[in-house]
Amino acid sequence: VQLQASGGGLVQAGDSLRLSCANAKRTFSNNAVGWFRQAPGKEREFVAAIGWKGRFTSYSDSVKGRFTISRDNSKNTVSLQMNDLKPDDTALYYCAVARGSSPTPRRGDYNYWGQGTLVTVSS
């Protein structure tokens, strides 16, 4: 599985960005997919996850109400719409494929990781 995360960039506080996660070589339509982020000097933390059918989602408290995760299994992509961005959202964002089909916030439940896309939010 080769995951490619894209869509990061430099924005101002209050702006929006849409991240995408794609896997060109193998489908992950039967697996949950999650987004994590890691800010400089901090641990990698859970952001959002979506189940294999897209029916169930999970969000960290820090992004709930501002971020929306979605997936299109026909295109083998998962997206993260990020609205009302804040400087604390600045981080390298990773997408990851879980072993199972249900959304989970636990890093250990994910066995495939992309290389990350950088999001920088200025105040």
N, C-alpha and C. Protein backbone atom coordinates (compact mmCIF):
# COMPACT_ATOMS: atom_id res chain seq x y z
N VAL A 1 0.85 -1.19 0.00
CA VAL A 1 0.00 0.00 0.00
C VAL A 1 0.88 1.23 0.00
N GLN A 2 0.71 2.10 -0.97
CA GLN A 2 1.47 3.35 -1.02
C GLN A 2 0.48 4.49 -0.94
N LEU A 3 0.47 5.16 0.19
CA LEU A 3 -0.46 6.25 0.40
C LEU A 3 0.17 7.58 0.05
N GLN A 4 -0.59 8.41 -0.59
CA GLN A 4 -0.11 9.74 -0.97
C GLN A 4 -1.05 10.77 -0.39
N ALA A 5 -0.54 11.57 0.55
CA ALA A 5 -1.32 12.66 1.11
C ALA A 5 -0.96 13.95 0.39
N SER A 6 -1.96 14.77 0.13
CA SER A 6 -1.72 16.03 -0.57
C SER A 6 -2.71 17.08 -0.11
N GLY A 7 -2.46 18.32 -0.52
CA GLY A 7 -3.39 19.39 -0.22
C GLY A 7 -2.95 20.37 0.85
N GLY A 8 -1.81 20.10 1.47
CA GLY A 8 -1.33 21.01 2.50
C GLY A 8 -0.87 22.33 1.91
N GLY A 9 -0.60 23.29 2.79
CA GLY A 9 -0.14 24.58 2.35
C GLY A 9 -0.08 25.58 3.48
N LEU A 10 0.20 26.81 3.11
CA LEU A 10 0.28 27.91 4.08
C LEU A 10 -0.98 28.75 3.95
N VAL A 11 -1.72 28.87 5.04
CA VAL A 11 -2.95 29.64 5.04
C VAL A 11 -2.99 30.53 6.28
N GLN A 12 -3.97 31.41 6.29
CA GLN A 12 -4.17 32.27 7.45
C GLN A 12 -5.25 31.69 8.36
N ALA A 13 -5.22 32.10 9.58
CA ALA A 13 -6.24 31.66 10.54
C ALA A 13 -7.63 31.99 10.00
N GLY A 14 -8.53 31.01 10.11
CA GLY A 14 -9.88 31.19 9.61
C GLY A 14 -10.10 30.64 8.21
N ASP A 15 -9.00 30.36 7.51
CA ASP A 15 -9.09 29.82 6.16
C ASP A 15 -9.43 28.33 6.18
N SER A 16 -9.61 27.76 4.98
CA SER A 16 -9.92 26.35 4.83
C SER A 16 -8.91 25.67 3.93
N LEU A 17 -8.74 24.38 4.14
CA LEU A 17 -7.93 23.54 3.27
C LEU A 17 -8.62 22.19 3.15
N ARG A 18 -8.35 21.52 2.05
CA ARG A 18 -8.87 20.18 1.87
C ARG A 18 -7.72 19.24 1.56
N LEU A 19 -7.50 18.29 2.45
CA LEU A 19 -6.44 17.30 2.26
C LEU A 19 -7.04 16.06 1.59
N SER A 20 -6.21 15.41 0.80
CA SER A 20 -6.62 14.18 0.15
C SER A 20 -5.61 13.08 0.40
N CYS A 21 -6.12 11.87 0.48
CA CYS A 21 -5.27 10.70 0.66
C CYS A 21 -5.66 9.70 -0.41
N ALA A 22 -4.70 9.27 -1.20
CA ALA A 22 -4.99 8.36 -2.29
C ALA A 22 -4.01 7.21 -2.29
N ASN A 23 -4.47 6.10 -2.81
CA ASN A 23 -3.59 4.95 -2.98
C ASN A 23 -3.80 4.42 -4.39
N ALA A 24 -2.83 4.64 -5.22
CA ALA A 24 -3.00 4.32 -6.63
C ALA A 24 -2.84 2.83 -6.91
N LYS A 25 -2.17 2.11 -6.00
CA LYS A 25 -1.81 0.74 -6.33
C LYS A 25 -2.70 -0.32 -5.73
N ARG A 26 -3.43 0.03 -4.69
CA ARG A 26 -4.23 -1.00 -4.04
C ARG A 26 -5.41 -0.36 -3.35
N THR A 27 -6.55 -0.98 -3.42
CA THR A 27 -7.72 -0.41 -2.80
C THR A 27 -7.67 -0.53 -1.29
N PHE A 28 -8.21 0.47 -0.59
CA PHE A 28 -8.38 0.35 0.85
C PHE A 28 -9.86 0.49 1.19
N SER A 29 -10.72 0.12 0.25
CA SER A 29 -12.16 0.33 0.42
C SER A 29 -12.74 -0.54 1.52
N ASN A 30 -12.04 -1.58 1.96
CA ASN A 30 -12.55 -2.43 3.03
C ASN A 30 -11.99 -2.05 4.40
N ASN A 31 -11.20 -0.99 4.45
CA ASN A 31 -10.53 -0.60 5.68
C ASN A 31 -10.92 0.80 6.12
N ALA A 32 -10.87 0.99 7.43
CA ALA A 32 -10.99 2.35 7.94
C ALA A 32 -9.73 3.13 7.57
N VAL A 33 -9.89 4.41 7.42
CA VAL A 33 -8.77 5.30 7.12
C VAL A 33 -8.79 6.46 8.11
N GLY A 34 -7.62 6.83 8.57
CA GLY A 34 -7.54 7.91 9.54
C GLY A 34 -6.56 8.99 9.13
N TRP A 35 -6.72 10.14 9.74
CA TRP A 35 -5.76 11.24 9.62
C TRP A 35 -5.17 11.51 10.99
N PHE A 36 -3.88 11.67 11.00
CA PHE A 36 -3.14 12.03 12.20
C PHE A 36 -2.30 13.26 11.87
N ARG A 37 -1.81 13.91 12.90
CA ARG A 37 -0.94 15.06 12.67
C ARG A 37 0.15 15.11 13.73
N GLN A 38 1.25 15.73 13.34
CA GLN A 38 2.37 15.86 14.27
C GLN A 38 2.95 17.25 14.13
N ALA A 39 2.86 18.00 15.21
CA ALA A 39 3.45 19.33 15.25
C ALA A 39 4.90 19.22 15.72
N PRO A 40 5.73 20.19 15.42
CA PRO A 40 7.14 20.14 15.84
C PRO A 40 7.26 19.96 17.35
N GLY A 41 8.04 18.98 17.75
CA GLY A 41 8.28 18.74 19.16
C GLY A 41 7.15 18.05 19.90
N LYS A 42 6.14 17.62 19.17
CA LYS A 42 5.00 16.97 19.82
C LYS A 42 4.79 15.56 19.28
N GLU A 43 4.02 14.78 20.04
CA GLU A 43 3.68 13.44 19.60
C GLU A 43 2.68 13.50 18.44
N ARG A 44 2.68 12.45 17.63
CA ARG A 44 1.69 12.33 16.59
C ARG A 44 0.33 12.08 17.25
N GLU A 45 -0.66 12.82 16.81
CA GLU A 45 -1.98 12.72 17.45
C GLU A 45 -3.07 12.44 16.42
N PHE A 46 -4.11 11.80 16.92
CA PHE A 46 -5.26 11.46 16.10
C PHE A 46 -6.05 12.71 15.74
N VAL A 47 -6.54 12.76 14.50
CA VAL A 47 -7.37 13.88 14.05
C VAL A 47 -8.78 13.39 13.72
N ALA A 48 -8.87 12.42 12.80
CA ALA A 48 -10.18 11.95 12.35
C ALA A 48 -10.02 10.59 11.70
N ALA A 49 -11.11 9.83 11.68
CA ALA A 49 -11.10 8.53 11.02
C ALA A 49 -12.48 8.25 10.46
N ILE A 50 -12.51 7.39 9.45
CA ILE A 50 -13.77 7.04 8.81
C ILE A 50 -13.81 5.55 8.55
N GLY A 51 -14.95 4.94 8.76
CA GLY A 51 -15.11 3.52 8.53
C GLY A 51 -15.16 3.18 7.06
N TRP A 52 -15.15 1.90 6.77
CA TRP A 52 -14.97 1.46 5.40
C TRP A 52 -16.09 1.86 4.46
N LYS A 53 -17.31 1.98 4.97
CA LYS A 53 -18.42 2.40 4.12
C LYS A 53 -18.64 3.91 4.16
N GLY A 54 -17.93 4.57 5.08
CA GLY A 54 -18.11 6.00 5.21
C GLY A 54 -19.25 6.40 6.12
N ARG A 55 -19.91 5.41 6.71
CA ARG A 55 -21.08 5.71 7.54
C ARG A 55 -20.67 6.21 8.92
N PHE A 56 -19.59 5.67 9.44
CA PHE A 56 -19.16 6.03 10.79
C PHE A 56 -17.86 6.82 10.75
N THR A 57 -17.82 7.86 11.57
CA THR A 57 -16.63 8.71 11.65
C THR A 57 -16.29 8.97 13.10
N SER A 58 -15.06 9.41 13.31
CA SER A 58 -14.60 9.74 14.65
C SER A 58 -13.68 10.94 14.53
N TYR A 59 -13.77 11.86 15.50
CA TYR A 59 -12.96 13.07 15.47
C TYR A 59 -12.36 13.34 16.84
N SER A 60 -11.20 13.97 16.84
CA SER A 60 -10.65 14.44 18.10
C SER A 60 -11.46 15.66 18.54
N ASP A 61 -11.47 15.92 19.82
CA ASP A 61 -12.23 17.05 20.33
C ASP A 61 -11.73 18.37 19.76
N SER A 62 -10.44 18.44 19.47
CA SER A 62 -9.85 19.71 19.01
C SER A 62 -10.30 20.11 17.61
N VAL A 63 -10.80 19.15 16.83
CA VAL A 63 -11.20 19.48 15.45
C VAL A 63 -12.68 19.28 15.21
N LYS A 64 -13.37 18.70 16.17
CA LYS A 64 -14.78 18.41 16.00
C LYS A 64 -15.54 19.69 15.70
N GLY A 65 -16.37 19.64 14.67
CA GLY A 65 -17.15 20.81 14.26
C GLY A 65 -16.44 21.68 13.24
N ARG A 66 -15.15 21.47 13.06
CA ARG A 66 -14.39 22.26 12.07
C ARG A 66 -13.90 21.40 10.91
N PHE A 67 -13.56 20.15 11.19
CA PHE A 67 -13.03 19.24 10.17
C PHE A 67 -14.09 18.20 9.83
N THR A 68 -14.07 17.78 8.56
CA THR A 68 -14.97 16.73 8.10
C THR A 68 -14.19 15.73 7.25
N ILE A 69 -14.28 14.47 7.62
CA ILE A 69 -13.61 13.42 6.86
C ILE A 69 -14.65 12.74 5.99
N SER A 70 -14.23 12.38 4.78
CA SER A 70 -15.13 11.70 3.85
C SER A 70 -14.30 10.78 2.98
N ARG A 71 -14.99 9.89 2.27
CA ARG A 71 -14.27 8.98 1.39
C ARG A 71 -15.09 8.70 0.15
N ASP A 72 -14.36 8.38 -0.92
CA ASP A 72 -14.97 7.97 -2.18
C ASP A 72 -14.29 6.66 -2.57
N ASN A 73 -14.92 5.56 -2.27
CA ASN A 73 -14.29 4.27 -2.53
C ASN A 73 -14.16 3.98 -4.02
N SER A 74 -15.00 4.60 -4.84
CA SER A 74 -14.87 4.40 -6.28
C SER A 74 -13.57 5.01 -6.81
N LYS A 75 -13.06 6.01 -6.10
CA LYS A 75 -11.81 6.67 -6.50
C LYS A 75 -10.66 6.31 -5.57
N ASN A 76 -10.96 5.50 -4.56
CA ASN A 76 -9.92 5.08 -3.62
C ASN A 76 -9.26 6.28 -2.95
N THR A 77 -10.09 7.22 -2.52
CA THR A 77 -9.55 8.42 -1.89
C THR A 77 -10.31 8.73 -0.60
N VAL A 78 -9.61 9.36 0.31
CA VAL A 78 -10.21 9.87 1.54
C VAL A 78 -9.81 11.33 1.67
N SER A 79 -10.76 12.17 2.03
CA SER A 79 -10.50 13.60 2.13
C SER A 79 -10.72 14.10 3.55
N LEU A 80 -10.04 15.18 3.86
CA LEU A 80 -10.23 15.86 5.14
C LEU A 80 -10.45 17.33 4.85
N GLN A 81 -11.68 17.77 4.99
CA GLN A 81 -12.02 19.18 4.81
C GLN A 81 -11.78 19.89 6.13
N MET A 82 -10.92 20.89 6.11
CA MET A 82 -10.55 21.60 7.33
C MET A 82 -10.99 23.05 7.21
N ASN A 83 -11.93 23.44 8.04
CA ASN A 83 -12.46 24.81 8.04
C ASN A 83 -12.04 25.54 9.32
N ASP A 84 -12.09 26.84 9.26
CA ASP A 84 -11.78 27.68 10.41
C ASP A 84 -10.45 27.25 11.04
N LEU A 85 -9.44 27.18 10.22
CA LEU A 85 -8.13 26.72 10.70
C LEU A 85 -7.54 27.68 11.72
N LYS A 86 -6.81 27.11 12.65
CA LYS A 86 -6.19 27.88 13.72
C LYS A 86 -4.68 27.62 13.71
N PRO A 87 -3.90 28.52 14.26
CA PRO A 87 -2.44 28.29 14.31
C PRO A 87 -2.09 26.96 14.99
N ASP A 88 -2.88 26.52 15.96
CA ASP A 88 -2.61 25.23 16.62
C ASP A 88 -2.82 24.04 15.70
N ASP A 89 -3.42 24.25 14.54
CA ASP A 89 -3.60 23.16 13.58
C ASP A 89 -2.34 22.95 12.74
N THR A 90 -1.36 23.81 12.89
CA THR A 90 -0.11 23.68 12.15
C THR A 90 0.58 22.37 12.49
N ALA A 91 0.82 21.56 11.47
CA ALA A 91 1.42 20.24 11.69
C ALA A 91 1.64 19.55 10.35
N LEU A 92 2.36 18.46 10.43
CA LEU A 92 2.47 17.55 9.29
C LEU A 92 1.32 16.55 9.43
N TYR A 93 0.49 16.46 8.40
CA TYR A 93 -0.71 15.62 8.45
C TYR A 93 -0.45 14.33 7.67
N TYR A 94 -0.77 13.22 8.33
CA TYR A 94 -0.58 11.90 7.74
C TYR A 94 -1.91 11.19 7.59
N CYS A 95 -2.06 10.47 6.50
CA CYS A 95 -3.19 9.55 6.41
C CYS A 95 -2.66 8.13 6.64
N ALA A 96 -3.55 7.30 7.13
CA ALA A 96 -3.14 5.94 7.46
C ALA A 96 -4.32 4.98 7.26
N VAL A 97 -4.01 3.77 6.90
CA VAL A 97 -5.02 2.73 6.69
C VAL A 97 -5.01 1.78 7.87
N ALA A 98 -6.18 1.54 8.41
CA ALA A 98 -6.30 0.66 9.58
C ALA A 98 -6.37 -0.80 9.16
N ARG A 99 -6.08 -1.66 10.13
CA ARG A 99 -6.22 -3.10 9.87
C ARG A 99 -7.68 -3.49 9.76
N GLY A 100 -8.52 -2.82 10.51
CA GLY A 100 -9.93 -3.15 10.53
C GLY A 100 -10.78 -2.19 9.73
N SER A 101 -12.09 -2.36 9.83
CA SER A 101 -13.02 -1.58 9.03
C SER A 101 -13.70 -0.45 9.81
N SER A 102 -13.50 -0.43 11.14
CA SER A 102 -14.16 0.60 11.96
C SER A 102 -13.19 1.73 12.28
N PRO A 103 -13.68 2.96 12.35
CA PRO A 103 -12.79 4.09 12.68
C PRO A 103 -12.23 3.94 14.08
N THR A 104 -10.98 4.24 14.24
CA THR A 104 -10.31 4.09 15.52
C THR A 104 -9.29 5.21 15.71
N PRO A 105 -9.16 5.73 16.93
CA PRO A 105 -8.17 6.77 17.19
C PRO A 105 -6.79 6.23 17.58
N ARG A 106 -6.64 4.95 17.70
CA ARG A 106 -5.39 4.36 18.20
C ARG A 106 -4.38 4.17 17.08
N ARG A 107 -3.21 4.76 17.26
CA ARG A 107 -2.15 4.68 16.25
C ARG A 107 -1.78 3.24 15.95
N GLY A 108 -1.79 2.40 16.95
CA GLY A 108 -1.39 1.01 16.77
C GLY A 108 -2.34 0.20 15.91
N ASP A 109 -3.53 0.74 15.67
CA ASP A 109 -4.51 0.03 14.84
C ASP A 109 -4.28 0.26 13.35
N TYR A 110 -3.32 1.13 13.04
CA TYR A 110 -3.03 1.47 11.65
C TYR A 110 -1.70 0.85 11.23
N ASN A 111 -1.69 0.23 10.08
CA ASN A 111 -0.46 -0.44 9.66
C ASN A 111 0.13 0.10 8.38
N TYR A 112 -0.55 1.03 7.70
CA TYR A 112 0.03 1.66 6.52
C TYR A 112 -0.10 3.18 6.69
N TRP A 113 1.03 3.85 6.44
CA TRP A 113 1.10 5.29 6.63
C TRP A 113 1.64 5.98 5.39
N GLY A 114 1.07 7.15 5.09
CA GLY A 114 1.60 7.97 4.02
C GLY A 114 2.73 8.84 4.53
N GLN A 115 3.31 9.65 3.63
CA GLN A 115 4.47 10.46 3.99
C GLN A 115 4.11 11.80 4.62
N GLY A 116 2.90 12.22 4.53
CA GLY A 116 2.49 13.45 5.19
C GLY A 116 2.46 14.65 4.27
N THR A 117 1.61 15.58 4.63
CA THR A 117 1.52 16.86 3.91
C THR A 117 1.48 17.97 4.96
N LEU A 118 2.24 19.03 4.72
CA LEU A 118 2.43 20.06 5.73
C LEU A 118 1.34 21.12 5.65
N VAL A 119 0.74 21.39 6.79
CA VAL A 119 -0.24 22.46 6.93
C VAL A 119 0.32 23.51 7.88
N THR A 120 0.39 24.73 7.42
CA THR A 120 0.89 25.83 8.25
C THR A 120 -0.17 26.91 8.29
N VAL A 121 -0.58 27.27 9.50
CA VAL A 121 -1.62 28.28 9.68
C VAL A 121 -1.02 29.47 10.40
N SER A 122 -1.02 30.60 9.74
CA SER A 122 -0.47 31.82 10.35
C SER A 122 -1.56 32.61 11.05
N SER A 123 -1.16 33.32 12.08
CA SER A 123 -2.16 34.08 12.86
C SER A 123 -2.36 35.47 12.29
